[in-house]
Amino acid sequence: QVATIEVRNVYKISNVGTIAGCYITNGKVARSAQLRLVRDGIVICEDKIDSLRRFKDDVKEVAQGYECGISLEKFADIKEGDVFEAFVMEEYRD
């Protein structure tokens, strides 16, 4: 696990979809990371990050203590109070 991210606001934007207004409580999240959405201690889904933004800028990563906007590729039923856990799939080579 690389980061823990709190969802503080949810914005529905036409033509864009659902953007989660997030705060990185721990670690740092990279654009390439995958996210688990955890609600009330239960993993609801795993998805990839579609866009990662600081204000209006697309960024490659966001560090602990900063806010950012995250949208997911497939899942849109995000609620305030959800937690994202970012992780990176390691490729093992023999």
PDB file of N, CA and C in Angstrom:
ATOM      1  N   GLN A   1       0.846  -1.198   0.000  1.00  0.00           N
ATOM      2  CA  GLN A   1       0.000   0.000   0.000  1.00  0.00           C
ATOM      3  C   GLN A   1       0.878   1.244   0.000  1.00  0.00           C
ATOM      4  N   VAL A   2       0.582   2.177  -0.876  1.00  0.00           N
ATOM      5  CA  VAL A   2       1.431   3.360  -1.012  1.00  0.00           C
ATOM      6  C   VAL A   2       0.815   4.615  -0.418  1.00  0.00           C
ATOM      7  N   ALA A   3      -0.519   4.672  -0.327  1.00  0.00           N
ATOM      8  CA  ALA A   3      -1.132   5.889   0.192  1.00  0.00           C
ATOM      9  C   ALA A   3      -2.526   5.612   0.747  1.00  0.00           C
ATOM     10  N   THR A   4      -2.904   6.445   1.717  1.00  0.00           N
ATOM     11  CA  THR A   4      -4.270   6.439   2.226  1.00  0.00           C
ATOM     12  C   THR A   4      -4.860   7.806   1.915  1.00  0.00           C
ATOM     13  N   ILE A   5      -6.050   7.803   1.329  1.00  0.00           N
ATOM     14  CA  ILE A   5      -6.634   9.027   0.785  1.00  0.00           C
ATOM     15  C   ILE A   5      -8.071   9.141   1.276  1.00  0.00           C
ATOM     16  N   GLU A   6      -8.383  10.296   1.847  1.00  0.00           N
ATOM     17  CA  GLU A   6      -9.730  10.534   2.370  1.00  0.00           C
ATOM     18  C   GLU A   6     -10.557  11.281   1.333  1.00  0.00           C
ATOM     19  N   VAL A   7     -11.769  10.816   1.088  1.00  0.00           N
ATOM     20  CA  VAL A   7     -12.662  11.555   0.190  1.00  0.00           C
ATOM     21  C   VAL A   7     -13.442  12.570   1.019  1.00  0.00           C
ATOM     22  N   ARG A   8     -13.259  13.850   0.717  1.00  0.00           N
ATOM     23  CA  ARG A   8     -13.901  14.902   1.516  1.00  0.00           C
ATOM     24  C   ARG A   8     -15.078  15.547   0.793  1.00  0.00           C
ATOM     25  N   ASN A   9     -15.041  15.581  -0.513  1.00  0.00           N
ATOM     26  CA  ASN A   9     -16.141  16.125  -1.308  1.00  0.00           C
ATOM     27  C   ASN A   9     -16.298  15.280  -2.542  1.00  0.00           C
ATOM     28  N   VAL A  10     -17.500  15.290  -3.082  1.00  0.00           N
ATOM     29  CA  VAL A  10     -17.721  14.598  -4.348  1.00  0.00           C
ATOM     30  C   VAL A  10     -18.382  15.584  -5.297  1.00  0.00           C
ATOM     31  N   TYR A  11     -17.812  15.735  -6.473  1.00  0.00           N
ATOM     32  CA  TYR A  11     -18.347  16.664  -7.465  1.00  0.00           C
ATOM     33  C   TYR A  11     -18.813  15.874  -8.671  1.00  0.00           C
ATOM     34  N   LYS A  12     -20.020  16.178  -9.123  1.00  0.00           N
ATOM     35  CA  LYS A  12     -20.500  15.583 -10.375  1.00  0.00           C
ATOM     36  C   LYS A  12     -20.357  16.666 -11.437  1.00  0.00           C
ATOM     37  N   ILE A  13     -19.538  16.401 -12.430  1.00  0.00           N
ATOM     38  CA  ILE A  13     -19.280  17.409 -13.450  1.00  0.00           C
ATOM     39  C   ILE A  13     -19.738  16.871 -14.795  1.00  0.00           C
ATOM     40  N   SER A  14     -20.596  17.618 -15.460  1.00  0.00           N
ATOM     41  CA  SER A  14     -21.102  17.127 -16.739  1.00  0.00           C
ATOM     42  C   SER A  14     -19.962  16.981 -17.732  1.00  0.00           C
ATOM     43  N   ASN A  15     -20.042  15.971 -18.571  1.00  0.00           N
ATOM     44  CA  ASN A  15     -19.015  15.618 -19.561  1.00  0.00           C
ATOM     45  C   ASN A  15     -17.738  15.045 -18.949  1.00  0.00           C
ATOM     46  N   VAL A  16     -17.627  15.083 -17.637  1.00  0.00           N
ATOM     47  CA  VAL A  16     -16.418  14.571 -17.006  1.00  0.00           C
ATOM     48  C   VAL A  16     -16.762  13.371 -16.128  1.00  0.00           C
ATOM     49  N   GLY A  17     -17.860  13.499 -15.372  1.00  0.00           N
ATOM     50  CA  GLY A  17     -18.225  12.415 -14.471  1.00  0.00           C
ATOM     51  C   GLY A  17     -18.001  12.811 -13.028  1.00  0.00           C
ATOM     52  N   THR A  18     -17.723  11.833 -12.207  1.00  0.00           N
ATOM     53  CA  THR A  18     -17.582  12.054 -10.772  1.00  0.00           C
ATOM     54  C   THR A  18     -16.123  12.291 -10.408  1.00  0.00           C
ATOM     55  N   ILE A  19     -15.885  13.416  -9.733  1.00  0.00           N
ATOM     56  CA  ILE A  19     -14.552  13.730  -9.243  1.00  0.00           C
ATOM     57  C   ILE A  19     -14.602  13.690  -7.723  1.00  0.00           C
ATOM     58  N   ALA A  20     -13.685  12.953  -7.118  1.00  0.00           N
ATOM     59  CA  ALA A  20     -13.592  12.913  -5.664  1.00  0.00           C
ATOM     60  C   ALA A  20     -12.577  13.955  -5.219  1.00  0.00           C
ATOM     61  N   GLY A  21     -13.029  14.868  -4.363  1.00  0.00           N
ATOM     62  CA  GLY A  21     -12.121  15.842  -3.759  1.00  0.00           C
ATOM     63  C   GLY A  21     -11.467  15.173  -2.571  1.00  0.00           C
ATOM     64  N   CYS A  22     -10.163  14.961  -2.653  1.00  0.00           N
ATOM     65  CA  CYS A  22      -9.486  14.091  -1.697  1.00  0.00           C
ATOM     66  C   CYS A  22      -8.391  14.804  -0.926  1.00  0.00           C
ATOM     67  N   TYR A  23      -8.047  14.199   0.213  1.00  0.00           N
ATOM     68  CA  TYR A  23      -6.930  14.663   1.026  1.00  0.00           C
ATOM     69  C   TYR A  23      -6.028  13.450   1.280  1.00  0.00           C
ATOM     70  N   ILE A  24      -4.741  13.595   0.984  1.00  0.00           N
ATOM     71  CA  ILE A  24      -3.808  12.482   1.171  1.00  0.00           C
ATOM     72  C   ILE A  24      -3.374  12.467   2.639  1.00  0.00           C
ATOM     73  N   THR A  25      -3.824  11.465   3.392  1.00  0.00           N
ATOM     74  CA  THR A  25      -3.497  11.442   4.819  1.00  0.00           C
ATOM     75  C   THR A  25      -2.168  10.742   5.086  1.00  0.00           C
ATOM     76  N   ASN A  26      -1.720   9.942   4.129  1.00  0.00           N
ATOM     77  CA  ASN A  26      -0.550   9.129   4.376  1.00  0.00           C
ATOM     78  C   ASN A  26       0.068   8.695   3.046  1.00  0.00           C
ATOM     79  N   GLY A  27       1.380   8.833   2.915  1.00  0.00           N
ATOM     80  CA  GLY A  27       2.050   8.367   1.702  1.00  0.00           C
ATOM     81  C   GLY A  27       1.894   9.327   0.544  1.00  0.00           C
ATOM     82  N   LYS A  28       2.070   8.815  -0.663  1.00  0.00           N
ATOM     83  CA  LYS A  28       1.826   9.653  -1.837  1.00  0.00           C
ATOM     84  C   LYS A  28       1.206   8.804  -2.930  1.00  0.00           C
ATOM     85  N   VAL A  29       0.364   9.456  -3.726  1.00  0.00           N
ATOM     86  CA  VAL A  29      -0.344   8.717  -4.769  1.00  0.00           C
ATOM     87  C   VAL A  29       0.179   9.136  -6.134  1.00  0.00           C
ATOM     88  N   ALA A  30       0.473   8.137  -6.944  1.00  0.00           N
ATOM     89  CA  ALA A  30       0.944   8.395  -8.298  1.00  0.00           C
ATOM     90  C   ALA A  30      -0.200   8.128  -9.265  1.00  0.00           C
ATOM     91  N   ARG A  31      -0.141   8.801 -10.388  1.00  0.00           N
ATOM     92  CA  ARG A  31      -1.158   8.676 -11.426  1.00  0.00           C
ATOM     93  C   ARG A  31      -1.319   7.217 -11.879  1.00  0.00           C
ATOM     94  N   SER A  32      -0.227   6.472 -11.793  1.00  0.00           N
ATOM     95  CA  SER A  32      -0.229   5.091 -12.288  1.00  0.00           C
ATOM     96  C   SER A  32      -0.730   4.080 -11.257  1.00  0.00           C
ATOM     97  N   ALA A  33      -0.955   4.544 -10.032  1.00  0.00           N
ATOM     98  CA  ALA A  33      -1.369   3.625  -8.968  1.00  0.00           C
ATOM     99  C   ALA A  33      -2.787   3.126  -9.208  1.00  0.00           C
ATOM    100  N   GLN A  34      -3.095   1.998  -8.588  1.00  0.00           N
ATOM    101  CA  GLN A  34      -4.470   1.527  -8.596  1.00  0.00           C
ATOM    102  C   GLN A  34      -5.068   1.837  -7.237  1.00  0.00           C
ATOM    103  N   LEU A  35      -6.386   1.981  -7.209  1.00  0.00           N
ATOM    104  CA  LEU A  35      -7.044   2.332  -5.954  1.00  0.00           C
ATOM    105  C   LEU A  35      -8.030   1.264  -5.535  1.00  0.00           C
ATOM    106  N   ARG A  36      -8.082   1.040  -4.227  1.00  0.00           N
ATOM    107  CA  ARG A  36      -9.173   0.290  -3.612  1.00  0.00           C
ATOM    108  C   ARG A  36     -10.068   1.303  -2.957  1.00  0.00           C
ATOM    109  N   LEU A  37     -11.378   1.164  -3.150  1.00  0.00           N
ATOM    110  CA  LEU A  37     -12.305   2.057  -2.463  1.00  0.00           C
ATOM    111  C   LEU A  37     -12.849   1.312  -1.249  1.00  0.00           C
ATOM    112  N   VAL A  38     -12.625   1.883  -0.061  1.00  0.00           N
ATOM    113  CA  VAL A  38     -13.056   1.257   1.183  1.00  0.00           C
ATOM    114  C   VAL A  38     -14.147   2.117   1.822  1.00  0.00           C
ATOM    115  N   ARG A  39     -15.283   1.492   2.116  1.00  0.00           N
ATOM    116  CA  ARG A  39     -16.400   2.194   2.746  1.00  0.00           C
ATOM    117  C   ARG A  39     -16.818   1.401   3.972  1.00  0.00           C
ATOM    118  N   ASP A  40     -16.795   2.052   5.130  1.00  0.00           N
ATOM    119  CA  ASP A  40     -17.136   1.376   6.393  1.00  0.00           C
ATOM    120  C   ASP A  40     -16.335   0.088   6.569  1.00  0.00           C
ATOM    121  N   GLY A  41     -15.064   0.141   6.209  1.00  0.00           N
ATOM    122  CA  GLY A  41     -14.198  -1.012   6.419  1.00  0.00           C
ATOM    123  C   GLY A  41     -14.321  -2.113   5.377  1.00  0.00           C
ATOM    124  N   ILE A  42     -15.171  -1.906   4.379  1.00  0.00           N
ATOM    125  CA  ILE A  42     -15.384  -2.933   3.353  1.00  0.00           C
ATOM    126  C   ILE A  42     -14.843  -2.434   2.017  1.00  0.00           C
ATOM    127  N   VAL A  43     -14.085  -3.292   1.340  1.00  0.00           N
ATOM    128  CA  VAL A  43     -13.574  -2.912   0.015  1.00  0.00           C
ATOM    129  C   VAL A  43     -14.719  -3.008  -0.987  1.00  0.00           C
ATOM    130  N   ILE A  44     -15.088  -1.869  -1.577  1.00  0.00           N
ATOM    131  CA  ILE A  44     -16.203  -1.811  -2.528  1.00  0.00           C
ATOM    132  C   ILE A  44     -15.733  -2.156  -3.939  1.00  0.00           C
ATOM    133  N   CYS A  45     -14.570  -1.640  -4.308  1.00  0.00           N
ATOM    134  CA  CYS A  45     -14.080  -1.923  -5.654  1.00  0.00           C
ATOM    135  C   CYS A  45     -12.592  -1.652  -5.744  1.00  0.00           C
ATOM    136  N   GLU A  46     -12.004  -2.128  -6.831  1.00  0.00           N
ATOM    137  CA  GLU A  46     -10.651  -1.742  -7.195  1.00  0.00           C
ATOM    138  C   GLU A  46     -10.737  -1.137  -8.580  1.00  0.00           C
ATOM    139  N   ASP A  47     -10.014  -0.052  -8.787  1.00  0.00           N
ATOM    140  CA  ASP A  47     -10.080   0.618 -10.073  1.00  0.00           C
ATOM    141  C   ASP A  47      -8.767   1.332 -10.331  1.00  0.00           C
ATOM    142  N   LYS A  48      -8.646   1.851 -11.552  1.00  0.00           N
ATOM    143  CA  LYS A  48      -7.474   2.637 -11.895  1.00  0.00           C
ATOM    144  C   LYS A  48      -7.849   4.114 -11.857  1.00  0.00           C
ATOM    145  N   ILE A  49      -6.850   4.950 -11.672  1.00  0.00           N
ATOM    146  CA  ILE A  49      -7.061   6.395 -11.681  1.00  0.00           C
ATOM    147  C   ILE A  49      -7.218   6.857 -13.122  1.00  0.00           C
ATOM    148  N   ASP A  50      -8.304   7.568 -13.386  1.00  0.00           N
ATOM    149  CA  ASP A  50      -8.506   8.132 -14.717  1.00  0.00           C
ATOM    150  C   ASP A  50      -7.827   9.500 -14.802  1.00  0.00           C
ATOM    151  N   SER A  51      -8.048  10.335 -13.779  1.00  0.00           N
ATOM    152  CA  SER A  51      -7.302  11.600 -13.742  1.00  0.00           C
ATOM    153  C   SER A  51      -6.962  11.971 -12.309  1.00  0.00           C
ATOM    154  N   LEU A  52      -5.798  12.601 -12.176  1.00  0.00           N
ATOM    155  CA  LEU A  52      -5.284  13.052 -10.887  1.00  0.00           C
ATOM    156  C   LEU A  52      -4.944  14.514 -11.060  1.00  0.00           C
ATOM    157  N   ARG A  53      -5.592  15.375 -10.248  1.00  0.00           N
ATOM    158  CA  ARG A  53      -5.425  16.814 -10.457  1.00  0.00           C
ATOM    159  C   ARG A  53      -5.141  17.555  -9.169  1.00  0.00           C
ATOM    160  N   ARG A  54      -4.320  18.596  -9.304  1.00  0.00           N
ATOM    161  CA  ARG A  54      -4.180  19.599  -8.245  1.00  0.00           C
ATOM    162  C   ARG A  54      -4.735  20.874  -8.843  1.00  0.00           C
ATOM    163  N   PHE A  55      -5.812  21.383  -8.274  1.00  0.00           N
ATOM    164  CA  PHE A  55      -6.522  22.517  -8.849  1.00  0.00           C
ATOM    165  C   PHE A  55      -6.879  22.184 -10.288  1.00  0.00           C
ATOM    166  N   LYS A  56      -6.419  22.939 -11.261  1.00  0.00           N
ATOM    167  CA  LYS A  56      -6.806  22.645 -12.644  1.00  0.00           C
ATOM    168  C   LYS A  56      -5.758  21.834 -13.398  1.00  0.00           C
ATOM    169  N   ASP A  57      -4.652  21.552 -12.729  1.00  0.00           N
ATOM    170  CA  ASP A  57      -3.537  20.899 -13.431  1.00  0.00           C
ATOM    171  C   ASP A  57      -3.545  19.392 -13.277  1.00  0.00           C
ATOM    172  N   ASP A  58      -3.305  18.694 -14.373  1.00  0.00           N
ATOM    173  CA  ASP A  58      -3.078  17.257 -14.292  1.00  0.00           C
ATOM    174  C   ASP A  58      -1.674  17.055 -13.724  1.00  0.00           C
ATOM    175  N   VAL A  59      -1.555  16.174 -12.743  1.00  0.00           N
ATOM    176  CA  VAL A  59      -0.248  15.942 -12.143  1.00  0.00           C
ATOM    177  C   VAL A  59       0.083  14.449 -12.154  1.00  0.00           C
ATOM    178  N   LYS A  60       1.366  14.156 -11.987  1.00  0.00           N
ATOM    179  CA  LYS A  60       1.808  12.754 -11.978  1.00  0.00           C
ATOM    180  C   LYS A  60       1.668  12.127 -10.597  1.00  0.00           C
ATOM    181  N   GLU A  61       1.862  12.947  -9.549  1.00  0.00           N
ATOM    182  CA  GLU A  61       1.668  12.428  -8.201  1.00  0.00           C
ATOM    183  C   GLU A  61       1.337  13.540  -7.226  1.00  0.00           C
ATOM    184  N   VAL A  62       0.744  13.133  -6.101  1.00  0.00           N
ATOM    185  CA  VAL A  62       0.389  14.088  -5.048  1.00  0.00           C
ATOM    186  C   VAL A  62       0.866  13.490  -3.727  1.00  0.00           C
ATOM    187  N   ALA A  63       1.511  14.334  -2.906  1.00  0.00           N
ATOM    188  CA  ALA A  63       2.116  13.851  -1.661  1.00  0.00           C
ATOM    189  C   ALA A  63       1.192  14.047  -0.466  1.00  0.00           C
ATOM    190  N   GLN A  64       1.575  13.397   0.625  1.00  0.00           N
ATOM    191  CA  GLN A  64       0.860  13.495   1.895  1.00  0.00           C
ATOM    192  C   GLN A  64       0.656  14.945   2.320  1.00  0.00           C
ATOM    193  N   GLY A  65      -0.535  15.247   2.853  1.00  0.00           N
ATOM    194  CA  GLY A  65      -0.810  16.590   3.352  1.00  0.00           C
ATOM    195  C   GLY A  65      -1.391  17.519   2.301  1.00  0.00           C
ATOM    196  N   TYR A  66      -1.514  17.037   1.068  1.00  0.00           N
ATOM    197  CA  TYR A  66      -2.081  17.855  -0.004  1.00  0.00           C
ATOM    198  C   TYR A  66      -3.459  17.355  -0.409  1.00  0.00           C
ATOM    199  N   GLU A  67      -4.212  18.263  -1.008  1.00  0.00           N
ATOM    200  CA  GLU A  67      -5.516  17.894  -1.539  1.00  0.00           C
ATOM    201  C   GLU A  67      -5.395  17.662  -3.040  1.00  0.00           C
ATOM    202  N   CYS A  68      -6.293  16.848  -3.576  1.00  0.00           N
ATOM    203  CA  CYS A  68      -6.285  16.611  -5.012  1.00  0.00           C
ATOM    204  C   CYS A  68      -7.662  16.132  -5.455  1.00  0.00           C
ATOM    205  N   GLY A  69      -7.852  16.131  -6.750  1.00  0.00           N
ATOM    206  CA  GLY A  69      -9.086  15.599  -7.315  1.00  0.00           C
ATOM    207  C   GLY A  69      -8.766  14.315  -8.049  1.00  0.00           C
ATOM    208  N   ILE A  70      -9.560  13.274  -7.770  1.00  0.00           N
ATOM    209  CA  ILE A  70      -9.322  11.985  -8.407  1.00  0.00           C
ATOM    210  C   ILE A  70     -10.596  11.521  -9.081  1.00  0.00           C
ATOM    211  N   SER A  71     -10.484  11.089 -10.332  1.00  0.00           N
ATOM    212  CA  SER A  71     -11.614  10.392 -10.935  1.00  0.00           C
ATOM    213  C   SER A  71     -11.133   9.001 -11.320  1.00  0.00           C
ATOM    214  N   LEU A  72     -12.052   8.043 -11.220  1.00  0.00           N
ATOM    215  CA  LEU A  72     -11.717   6.655 -11.500  1.00  0.00           C
ATOM    216  C   LEU A  72     -12.156   6.287 -12.906  1.00  0.00           C
ATOM    217  N   GLU A  73     -11.550   5.249 -13.470  1.00  0.00           N
ATOM    218  CA  GLU A  73     -11.878   4.844 -14.841  1.00  0.00           C
ATOM    219  C   GLU A  73     -13.309   4.326 -14.962  1.00  0.00           C
ATOM    220  N   LYS A  74     -13.709   3.432 -14.041  1.00  0.00           N
ATOM    221  CA  LYS A  74     -15.012   2.789 -14.213  1.00  0.00           C
ATOM    222  C   LYS A  74     -16.017   3.132 -13.131  1.00  0.00           C
ATOM    223  N   PHE A  75     -15.549   3.235 -11.893  1.00  0.00           N
ATOM    224  CA  PHE A  75     -16.465   3.337 -10.759  1.00  0.00           C
ATOM    225  C   PHE A  75     -16.813   4.794 -10.477  1.00  0.00           C
ATOM    226  N   ALA A  76     -18.092   5.089 -10.298  1.00  0.00           N
ATOM    227  CA  ALA A  76     -18.487   6.492 -10.096  1.00  0.00           C
ATOM    228  C   ALA A  76     -19.286   6.717  -8.818  1.00  0.00           C
ATOM    229  N   ASP A  77     -19.669   5.649  -8.129  1.00  0.00           N
ATOM    230  CA  ASP A  77     -20.518   5.797  -6.945  1.00  0.00           C
ATOM    231  C   ASP A  77     -19.686   6.097  -5.703  1.00  0.00           C
ATOM    232  N   ILE A  78     -18.981   7.230  -5.754  1.00  0.00           N
ATOM    233  CA  ILE A  78     -18.096   7.607  -4.658  1.00  0.00           C
ATOM    234  C   ILE A  78     -18.885   8.478  -3.678  1.00  0.00           C
ATOM    235  N   LYS A  79     -18.657   8.292  -2.385  1.00  0.00           N
ATOM    236  CA  LYS A  79     -19.369   9.077  -1.373  1.00  0.00           C
ATOM    237  C   LYS A  79     -18.368   9.747  -0.437  1.00  0.00           C
ATOM    238  N   GLU A  80     -18.806  10.890   0.133  1.00  0.00           N
ATOM    239  CA  GLU A  80     -17.968  11.541   1.138  1.00  0.00           C
ATOM    240  C   GLU A  80     -17.713  10.570   2.269  1.00  0.00           C
ATOM    241  N   GLY A  81     -16.488  10.564   2.773  1.00  0.00           N
ATOM    242  CA  GLY A  81     -16.162   9.656   3.871  1.00  0.00           C
ATOM    243  C   GLY A  81     -15.556   8.341   3.398  1.00  0.00           C
ATOM    244  N   ASP A  82     -15.606   8.094   2.081  1.00  0.00           N
ATOM    245  CA  ASP A  82     -14.935   6.902   1.556  1.00  0.00           C
ATOM    246  C   ASP A  82     -13.421   7.075   1.720  1.00  0.00           C
ATOM    247  N   VAL A  83     -12.730   5.972   1.711  1.00  0.00           N
ATOM    248  CA  VAL A  83     -11.270   6.010   1.773  1.00  0.00           C
ATOM    249  C   VAL A  83     -10.726   5.265   0.559  1.00  0.00           C
ATOM    250  N   PHE A  84      -9.766   5.895  -0.113  1.00  0.00           N
ATOM    251  CA  PHE A  84      -9.056   5.204  -1.188  1.00  0.00           C
ATOM    252  C   PHE A  84      -7.748   4.682  -0.614  1.00  0.00           C
ATOM    253  N   GLU A  85      -7.410   3.452  -0.939  1.00  0.00           N
ATOM    254  CA  GLU A  85      -6.075   2.949  -0.641  1.00  0.00           C
ATOM    255  C   GLU A  85      -5.379   2.768  -1.975  1.00  0.00           C
ATOM    256  N   ALA A  86      -4.275   3.482  -2.134  1.00  0.00           N
ATOM    257  CA  ALA A  86      -3.533   3.375  -3.392  1.00  0.00           C
ATOM    258  C   ALA A  86      -2.495   2.277  -3.260  1.00  0.00           C
ATOM    259  N   PHE A  87      -2.359   1.516  -4.322  1.00  0.00           N
ATOM    260  CA  PHE A  87      -1.330   0.483  -4.316  1.00  0.00           C
ATOM    261  C   PHE A  87      -0.784   0.348  -5.717  1.00  0.00           C
ATOM    262  N   VAL A  88       0.374  -0.263  -5.825  1.00  0.00           N
ATOM    263  CA  VAL A  88       1.007  -0.442  -7.125  1.00  0.00           C
ATOM    264  C   VAL A  88       1.157  -1.939  -7.358  1.00  0.00           C
ATOM    265  N   MET A  89       0.701  -2.395  -8.503  1.00  0.00           N
ATOM    266  CA  MET A  89       0.869  -3.793  -8.849  1.00  0.00           C
ATOM    267  C   MET A  89       2.322  -4.015  -9.237  1.00  0.00           C
ATOM    268  N   GLU A  90       3.015  -4.844  -8.479  1.00  0.00           N
ATOM    269  CA  GLU A  90       4.406  -5.137  -8.793  1.00  0.00           C
ATOM    270  C   GLU A  90       4.444  -6.241  -9.837  1.00  0.00           C
ATOM    271  N   GLU A  91       5.313  -6.093 -10.776  1.00  0.00           N
ATOM    272  CA  GLU A  91       5.498  -7.183 -11.743  1.00  0.00           C
ATOM    273  C   GLU A  91       6.691  -7.990 -11.282  1.00  0.00           C
ATOM    274  N   TYR A  92       6.465  -9.251 -11.085  1.00  0.00           N
ATOM    275  CA  TYR A  92       7.577 -10.109 -10.674  1.00  0.00           C
ATOM    276  C   TYR A  92       8.213 -10.729 -11.899  1.00  0.00           C
ATOM    277  N   ARG A  93       9.530 -10.659 -11.943  1.00  0.00           N
ATOM    278  CA  ARG A  93      10.260 -11.287 -13.049  1.00  0.00           C
ATOM    279  C   ARG A  93      11.173 -12.342 -12.458  1.00  0.00           C
ATOM    280  N   ASP A  94      11.240 -13.476 -13.114  1.00  0.00           N
ATOM    281  CA  ASP A  94      12.144 -14.529 -12.617  1.00  0.00           C
ATOM    282  C   ASP A  94      13.583 -14.218 -12.984  1.00  0.00           C
TER     283      ASP A  94
END
